[in-house]
Protein backbone atom coordinates (compact mmCIF):
# COMPACT_ATOMS: atom_id res chain seq x y z
CA MET A 1 -15.52 9.33 -29.45
CA SER A 2 -14.65 6.00 -30.39
CA GLU A 3 -13.86 3.54 -27.66
CA ARG A 4 -10.46 3.03 -29.23
CA LEU A 5 -9.97 6.26 -28.93
CA ARG A 6 -11.37 6.75 -25.01
CA THR A 7 -8.80 3.85 -24.47
CA ARG A 8 -5.73 5.66 -26.25
CA LEU A 9 -6.27 8.89 -24.49
CA GLY A 10 -6.88 6.83 -21.08
CA SER A 11 -3.71 5.71 -20.94
CA VAL A 12 -1.85 9.05 -21.49
CA PRO A 13 0.07 10.13 -18.56
CA LEU A 14 -1.45 13.08 -16.69
CA ASP A 15 1.39 15.75 -15.38
CA PRO A 16 0.65 16.25 -12.01
CA GLU A 17 1.38 20.11 -11.71
CA ALA A 18 -1.07 20.40 -14.63
CA GLU A 19 -4.21 18.28 -13.25
CA SER A 20 -3.72 20.18 -10.21
CA ARG A 21 -3.88 23.80 -11.72
CA ALA A 22 -7.18 22.49 -13.63
CA TRP A 23 -8.72 21.26 -10.73
CA GLU A 24 -8.27 24.43 -8.74
CA LEU A 25 -9.72 26.17 -12.00
CA VAL A 26 -13.01 23.73 -11.73
CA ARG A 27 -13.11 24.33 -8.18
CA ALA A 28 -13.41 27.88 -8.40
CA ALA A 29 -16.11 27.91 -11.33
CA HIS A 30 -18.00 25.44 -9.08
CA ALA A 31 -17.97 27.94 -6.25
CA ALA A 32 -19.22 30.75 -8.36
CA ARG A 33 -22.08 29.01 -9.82
CA PRO A 34 -25.64 30.17 -8.88
CA ARG A 35 -26.59 27.85 -5.66
CA ALA A 36 -29.52 25.76 -5.86
CA ARG A 37 -32.52 26.41 -2.79
CA ARG A 38 -32.30 23.29 -1.58
CA ARG A 39 -29.47 22.87 1.17
CA VAL A 40 -27.57 19.56 1.48
CA PRO A 41 -27.06 18.88 5.09
CA LEU A 42 -22.94 18.32 5.42
CA ARG A 43 -21.88 16.38 8.31
CA ALA A 44 -18.93 18.14 9.76
CA ALA A 45 -17.35 15.36 12.20
CA LEU A 46 -16.27 13.47 8.60
CA ALA A 47 -15.19 16.14 6.40
CA LEU A 48 -12.91 13.39 4.82
CA GLY A 49 -16.06 13.53 2.14
CA VAL A 50 -18.57 10.18 1.91
CA LEU A 51 -18.92 9.28 -1.45
CA GLY A 52 -22.31 9.06 -2.74
CA THR A 53 -24.13 5.47 -3.88
CA ALA A 54 -23.44 7.22 -7.32
CA ALA A 55 -19.76 7.65 -6.91
CA THR A 56 -18.62 5.02 -4.53
CA LEU A 57 -15.24 2.72 -4.99
CA ALA A 58 -16.22 0.21 -3.22
CA VAL A 59 -17.41 -0.72 0.43
CA LEU A 60 -16.63 -3.13 3.05
CA SER A 61 -19.92 -4.70 4.25
CA PRO A 62 -20.05 -7.08 7.36
CA PRO A 63 -16.65 -9.59 7.56
CA GLY A 64 -16.13 -11.68 4.36
CA ARG A 65 -18.92 -9.82 1.95
CA ALA A 66 -17.94 -7.05 -0.17
CA VAL A 67 -19.52 -4.56 -3.15
CA VAL A 68 -18.00 -3.00 -5.52
CA GLU A 69 -19.81 -0.15 -7.33
CA ALA A 70 -18.82 1.94 -10.86
CA VAL A 71 -17.11 5.13 -10.55
CA ARG A 72 -17.65 7.97 -12.64
CA ARG A 73 -14.21 9.90 -12.36
CA SER A 74 -11.37 8.56 -14.28
CA ILE A 75 -8.48 8.83 -12.14
CA GLY A 76 -9.62 9.42 -9.21
CA VAL A 77 -12.72 10.06 -6.43
CA GLU A 78 -15.58 12.24 -6.53
CA HIS A 79 -16.33 14.68 -4.07
CA ALA A 80 -13.08 14.40 -2.14
CA ALA A 81 -12.20 16.45 0.88
CA PRO A 82 -9.49 18.93 -0.15
CA ALA A 83 -7.40 18.20 2.56
CA LEU A 84 -7.51 15.75 5.93
CA LEU A 85 -8.88 17.10 9.12
CA ARG A 86 -8.84 14.19 10.89
CA LEU A 87 -8.53 10.01 10.77
CA PRO A 88 -11.90 8.20 10.67
CA ALA A 89 -10.50 6.27 13.43
CA PRO A 90 -8.46 6.47 16.81
CA GLY A 91 -4.58 5.98 16.34
CA ARG A 92 -1.53 7.91 14.90
CA LEU A 93 -0.49 7.33 10.98
CA LEU A 94 3.27 7.46 10.08
CA VAL A 95 4.04 8.37 6.30
CA SER A 96 7.59 9.40 4.49
CA GLY A 97 8.65 10.35 1.58
CA PRO A 98 10.04 12.86 -0.66
CA GLY A 99 8.61 16.02 1.99
CA GLY A 100 10.30 13.63 5.19
CA ALA A 101 8.74 11.55 7.93
CA TRP A 102 5.36 12.84 9.07
CA VAL A 103 3.25 11.64 12.03
CA VAL A 104 -0.71 12.21 11.81
CA GLY A 105 -2.92 12.74 14.98
CA ALA A 106 -6.41 11.38 14.83
CA ASP A 107 -7.44 15.23 14.91
CA GLY A 108 -5.51 15.56 11.67
CA THR A 109 -2.93 17.76 12.95
CA ARG A 110 0.53 16.69 11.23
CA ARG A 111 3.89 16.72 12.70
CA LEU A 112 7.24 16.62 10.90
CA LEU A 113 9.84 14.89 12.14
CA GLY A 114 12.57 15.94 9.63
CA SER A 115 13.90 14.90 6.43
CA TYR A 116 13.66 10.99 6.09
CA ARG A 117 12.54 8.98 3.09
CA HIS A 118 11.91 5.92 5.28
CA ALA A 119 10.09 5.36 9.06
CA ALA A 120 8.89 2.81 10.89
CA TRP A 121 6.94 2.31 14.51
CA SER A 122 8.42 1.00 17.31
CA PRO A 123 6.92 -1.91 19.51
CA HIS A 124 3.94 -0.06 20.88
CA ALA A 125 4.90 3.21 18.84
CA LEU A 126 6.62 4.70 21.34
CA TYR A 127 9.13 5.80 19.07
CA VAL A 128 9.69 6.06 14.93
CA ALA A 129 13.20 5.26 13.55
CA ALA A 130 13.47 7.13 10.55
CA SER A 131 16.44 6.63 7.85
CA GLY A 132 18.06 9.02 5.49
CA PRO A 133 21.17 9.24 2.90
CA ASP A 134 23.46 9.75 6.13
CA GLY A 135 22.26 7.23 8.87
CA LEU A 136 19.64 5.67 10.81
CA THR A 137 17.57 7.89 13.85
CA ALA A 138 15.47 7.10 16.50
CA LEU A 139 12.77 9.73 17.87
CA ALA A 140 9.71 10.35 20.21
CA PRO A 141 6.71 10.82 17.83
CA ASP A 142 6.68 14.65 18.66
CA GLY A 143 9.88 15.06 17.29
CA THR A 144 12.19 14.78 20.01
CA LEU A 145 15.57 13.06 19.23
CA ARG A 146 16.90 10.15 20.94
CA TRP A 147 19.74 8.65 19.12
CA THR A 148 21.37 8.57 15.55
CA LEU A 149 23.61 5.96 13.87
CA PRO A 150 25.83 7.76 11.21
CA ARG A 151 25.38 4.88 8.46
CA HIS A 152 25.48 5.99 4.17
CA GLY A 153 23.00 4.68 2.92
CA ALA A 154 20.85 3.07 5.96
CA ARG A 155 16.78 2.72 4.60
CA LEU A 156 14.14 0.54 5.28
CA ALA A 157 14.12 -0.23 9.23
CA ALA A 158 11.78 -2.32 10.88
CA TRP A 159 11.86 -2.28 14.98
CA GLY A 160 10.90 -5.33 16.90
CA GLY A 161 10.80 -6.52 20.69
CA THR A 162 9.33 -5.90 23.94
CA ARG A 163 8.78 -2.58 25.39
CA ALA A 164 11.64 -3.80 27.97
CA ASP A 165 14.28 -5.12 24.81
CA THR A 166 14.32 -4.23 20.92
CA ARG A 167 16.23 -4.06 17.93
CA ILE A 168 16.32 -2.84 14.92
CA ALA A 169 16.82 -4.39 11.14
CA TYR A 170 17.74 -1.76 8.37
CA LEU A 171 19.13 -2.19 5.27
CA ALA A 172 22.68 -0.15 4.04
CA ARG A 173 24.91 -0.32 0.68
CA GLY A 174 23.28 -3.76 0.33
CA ARG A 175 23.93 -4.84 3.93
CA LEU A 176 21.70 -6.33 6.30
CA HIS A 177 22.26 -4.76 9.61
CA VAL A 178 20.46 -5.61 13.37
CA VAL A 179 21.24 -2.52 15.84
CA GLY A 180 19.81 -2.32 19.48
CA GLY A 181 16.84 -0.31 20.70
CA ASP A 182 19.15 2.40 22.32
CA GLY A 183 21.71 2.51 19.06
CA SER A 184 24.22 0.16 20.51
CA GLY A 185 25.27 -3.20 19.17
CA ASP A 186 25.58 -2.46 15.28
CA ARG A 187 26.21 -5.60 13.39
CA GLU A 188 26.38 -6.18 9.72
CA LEU A 189 24.84 -9.76 9.14
CA GLY A 190 25.53 -9.89 5.03
CA ALA A 191 24.22 -9.14 1.82
CA THR A 192 20.87 -8.77 1.48
CA ALA A 193 17.89 -8.28 -1.16
CA PRO A 194 16.62 -4.43 -1.44
CA VAL A 195 13.48 -5.73 0.64
CA ARG A 196 12.67 -4.17 4.11
CA PRO A 197 12.94 -7.40 6.68
CA ALA A 198 10.07 -8.26 9.26
CA TRP A 199 9.97 -8.98 13.35
CA ARG A 200 8.13 -12.23 13.83
CA PRO A 201 5.10 -10.37 16.02
CA SER A 202 4.10 -13.39 18.08
CA ASP A 203 7.27 -14.01 20.04
CA PRO A 204 8.97 -10.51 20.06
CA GLY A 205 11.31 -11.20 23.10
CA ALA A 206 12.93 -14.28 20.40
CA PHE A 207 13.78 -11.64 18.42
CA VAL A 208 13.12 -13.81 15.14
CA LEU A 209 13.46 -11.88 11.49
CA ALA A 210 12.47 -12.77 8.26
CA SER A 211 14.73 -11.38 5.07
CA VAL A 212 15.30 -11.37 1.86
CA SER A 213 19.27 -12.82 0.99
CA ALA A 214 20.80 -11.25 -2.14
CA SER A 215 20.69 -14.57 -3.81
CA GLY A 216 16.50 -13.85 -3.63
CA HIS A 217 16.10 -16.97 -0.60
CA VAL A 218 13.85 -16.41 2.10
CA VAL A 219 15.69 -16.52 5.41
CA VAL A 220 13.78 -16.63 9.17
CA GLY A 221 15.84 -17.03 12.43
CA ARG A 222 17.74 -15.11 15.13
CA PRO A 223 19.94 -12.70 13.74
CA GLY A 224 23.81 -14.20 13.78
CA GLU A 225 22.15 -17.62 14.16
CA PRO A 226 21.63 -20.67 12.04
CA ALA A 227 18.25 -19.72 9.69
CA LEU A 228 15.41 -21.55 11.15
CA TRP A 229 14.31 -22.13 7.75
CA ARG A 230 15.30 -20.87 4.35
CA SER A 231 12.93 -21.52 1.67
CA ALA A 232 13.69 -22.81 -2.13
CA ALA A 233 14.98 -20.40 -4.75
CA LEU A 234 11.74 -19.01 -6.03
CA THR A 235 11.35 -17.76 -9.91
CA ALA A 236 11.20 -14.25 -8.56
CA VAL A 237 12.90 -11.89 -6.30
CA PRO A 238 10.63 -11.54 -3.42
CA ARG A 239 9.77 -7.61 -3.07
CA LEU A 240 7.44 -7.61 0.23
CA LEU A 241 7.31 -9.59 3.23
CA ALA A 242 4.38 -9.35 6.37
CA TRP A 243 3.97 -11.54 9.03
CA SER A 244 0.54 -12.36 10.39
CA PRO A 245 -0.43 -11.40 13.97
CA ASP A 246 0.08 -15.01 15.35
CA GLY A 247 3.17 -15.01 13.39
CA GLY A 248 1.87 -18.75 12.00
CA THR A 249 2.51 -17.30 8.07
CA LEU A 250 4.47 -15.47 6.51
CA ALA A 251 3.31 -13.64 3.72
CA VAL A 252 5.82 -12.60 0.78
CA ALA A 253 5.15 -10.82 -2.89
CA THR A 254 7.33 -11.54 -6.12
CA ALA A 255 6.56 -9.55 -8.98
CA GLN A 256 4.84 -13.06 -10.48
CA GLN A 257 3.08 -14.36 -7.47
CA LEU A 258 1.88 -14.05 -3.68
CA LEU A 259 3.88 -17.14 -1.30
CA LEU A 260 2.46 -18.27 2.17
CA PHE A 261 4.85 -19.84 4.47
CA ASP A 262 3.94 -21.73 7.12
CA GLY A 263 5.73 -19.16 9.67
CA ARG A 264 7.29 -22.47 11.90
CA THR A 265 8.13 -25.00 9.07
CA GLY A 266 8.62 -22.74 5.92
CA ALA A 267 5.82 -24.86 4.11
CA SER A 268 4.49 -22.57 1.24
CA LEU A 269 0.88 -22.22 -0.41
CA GLY A 270 1.44 -20.61 -4.13
CA VAL A 271 -0.67 -18.24 -5.04
CA ALA A 272 -1.64 -16.92 -8.58
CA LEU A 273 -2.22 -13.11 -7.71
CA ARG A 274 0.07 -10.99 -10.25
CA GLY A 275 0.86 -7.84 -9.60
CA ILE A 276 0.64 -7.01 -6.22
CA ARG A 277 2.29 -3.69 -4.52
CA ALA A 278 1.59 -3.95 -1.06
CA LEU A 279 0.73 -6.16 1.58
CA ALA A 280 -0.83 -5.78 5.26
CA TYR A 281 -2.76 -7.81 7.95
CA ALA A 282 -5.24 -6.39 9.99
CA PRO A 283 -5.02 -6.95 14.15
CA ASP A 284 -7.74 -10.30 13.33
CA GLY A 285 -5.68 -11.67 10.93
CA ARG A 286 -6.93 -10.71 7.58
CA LEU A 287 -4.64 -10.09 4.86
CA ALA A 288 -4.85 -7.38 2.80
CA VAL A 289 -3.22 -6.81 -0.52
CA ALA A 290 -2.74 -3.87 -3.32
CA ARG A 291 -3.16 -5.50 -6.64
CA GLY A 292 -3.30 -2.77 -9.45
CA ARG A 293 -6.39 -0.95 -9.22
CA SER A 294 -8.03 -2.93 -6.68
CA LEU A 295 -7.55 -4.07 -2.76
CA GLN A 296 -8.39 -7.55 -1.78
CA LEU A 297 -8.46 -9.71 0.90
CA VAL A 298 -6.72 -13.08 0.52
CA SER A 299 -7.41 -16.02 2.88
CA HIS A 300 -5.01 -18.59 4.20
CA ARG A 301 -5.66 -21.00 1.38
CA GLY A 302 -4.91 -18.43 -0.86
CA ALA A 303 -8.51 -17.37 -2.31
CA ALA A 304 -9.04 -13.61 -2.93
CA THR A 305 -12.02 -11.67 -2.52
CA THR A 306 -12.20 -8.26 -4.20
CA LEU A 307 -13.23 -5.12 -1.35
CA PHE A 308 -12.06 -2.27 -3.18
CA SER A 309 -12.31 -1.35 -7.07
CA ALA A 310 -10.90 1.93 -8.01
CA PRO A 311 -10.31 4.12 -11.16
CA GLY A 312 -6.55 4.30 -11.02
CA ARG A 313 -3.59 2.16 -9.97
CA VAL A 314 -3.73 1.76 -5.84
CA ALA A 315 -0.48 1.76 -3.78
CA GLY A 316 0.20 1.00 0.02
CA LEU A 317 -1.65 -0.02 2.68
CA ALA A 318 -2.51 0.58 6.43
CA TRP A 319 -4.63 -1.12 8.92
CA SER A 320 -6.69 1.17 11.69
CA PRO A 321 -5.72 0.11 14.66
CA ASP A 322 -9.30 -1.37 15.64
CA GLY A 323 -9.00 -3.36 12.04
CA ARG A 324 -12.10 -1.38 11.05
CA TRP A 325 -10.58 0.96 8.03
CA LEU A 326 -8.14 0.41 5.77
CA LEU A 327 -6.07 3.28 4.04
CA THR A 328 -4.31 3.15 0.26
CA ALA A 329 -3.12 5.82 -2.20
CA LEU A 330 -4.49 6.98 -5.49
CA PRO A 331 -1.12 8.25 -6.80
CA ARG A 332 -2.15 9.64 -10.05
CA ALA A 333 -5.02 11.70 -8.10
CA ASP A 334 -3.17 12.28 -5.63
CA GLN A 335 -5.77 11.05 -3.24
CA TRP A 336 -6.04 9.04 0.46
CA VAL A 337 -8.57 7.06 0.41
CA PHE A 338 -10.19 5.06 3.51
CA VAL A 339 -12.23 2.24 3.43
CA GLY A 340 -14.32 1.56 5.48
CA PRO A 341 -17.77 -0.36 7.27
CA HIS A 342 -20.36 0.65 4.67
CA ARG A 343 -18.32 3.55 3.82
CA VAL A 344 -15.45 5.13 1.40
CA LEU A 345 -13.91 8.24 2.40
CA ALA A 346 -11.58 10.43 0.11
CA VAL A 347 -9.21 13.31 0.77
CA SER A 348 -7.15 15.18 -1.92
CA ASN A 349 -4.25 17.40 -2.27
CA VAL A 350 -1.61 14.98 -0.29
CA ARG A 351 1.14 16.05 -1.94
CA ARG A 352 0.50 19.25 -0.97
CA GLN A 353 -0.03 18.19 2.66
CA PHE A 354 2.68 16.48 2.87
CA GLY A 355 5.43 17.62 0.20
CA GLY A 356 5.58 14.83 -1.97
CA ALA A 357 3.90 11.41 -2.66
CA PRO A 358 4.33 9.27 1.19
CA ALA A 359 4.43 5.86 2.35
CA LEU A 360 1.91 4.91 3.98
CA ASP A 361 4.44 2.94 7.29
CA GLY A 362 1.70 2.58 9.35
CA TRP A 363 -1.21 3.88 11.68
CA ALA A 364 -0.18 2.77 15.29
CA PRO A 365 -2.69 2.78 18.47
CA GLY A 366 -2.92 6.84 19.86
CA ALA A 367 -0.35 7.52 23.03
């Protein structure tokens, strides 16, 4: 096959249902083949499927180093487990999408919270803020309903504050709202861009919120009060916001670049990284970005180091609570990939398990 033809075939979109049927046939044929006498020991405790050295995407080595290796499959990870049996680190994973909002336990148990398209953890992961076409709802992780606030088009909630006093920022019909953690005192704050707001984590009791105005400016301040700072006009409307754990840096991604703002003054540093699809800070302050077919770490000065190189486009990021594992998705391959110290684990058939391809809304400590 010529290189030109191979390139053109690789660009043809795949039908996920057809791909799933094809893989079922391949698995059946594989299961029916004559067994070799030599047996390979299995490590049942990590049934996600450890990638061998000949099929590794990339692995996290000790901090500050990374190894990127080739992969033989065209869109996904070889030897991925057929189902999610457990998480590789303690904690609970929150996901949401076409199949609703789900909480996944460390032991792999899945609990459907309801038919919500967006979800977010509360501080300390005590509750979940879930939103759908008809309103905003607060639930316990076991699905117990706490309260519901009817709001047409509610979405993209962010929950911040302390154990004793919290606020939820969310969007509804192009307007930014803030409501108390008990569902009281809902306030509309004005027009906003369709970007999830973000509470500054370093001083949760101060309730400092980062949001994007309808005109595309980044605005940081206490809701209802004059802004602490506002960015200059940007060349493109921001799409993603993420605070560093110490509140010292606000990372902002547009279609054209990554911007790192000083969280206190608003002074900015532009970084020439295009195509960023997700941002996530680790508990120790490392910033990871999902960019095209790779995951990268970005320093506070904007230098990028590749951690993970995939055969297909990656989407979404979630750090484990201990900061040792980074989860991303390969949507075309219908896989989740966990990138950890010295190894990569993968699981397939994500859509079947969650009723669609869910967004990664956060990996929180266990109860």
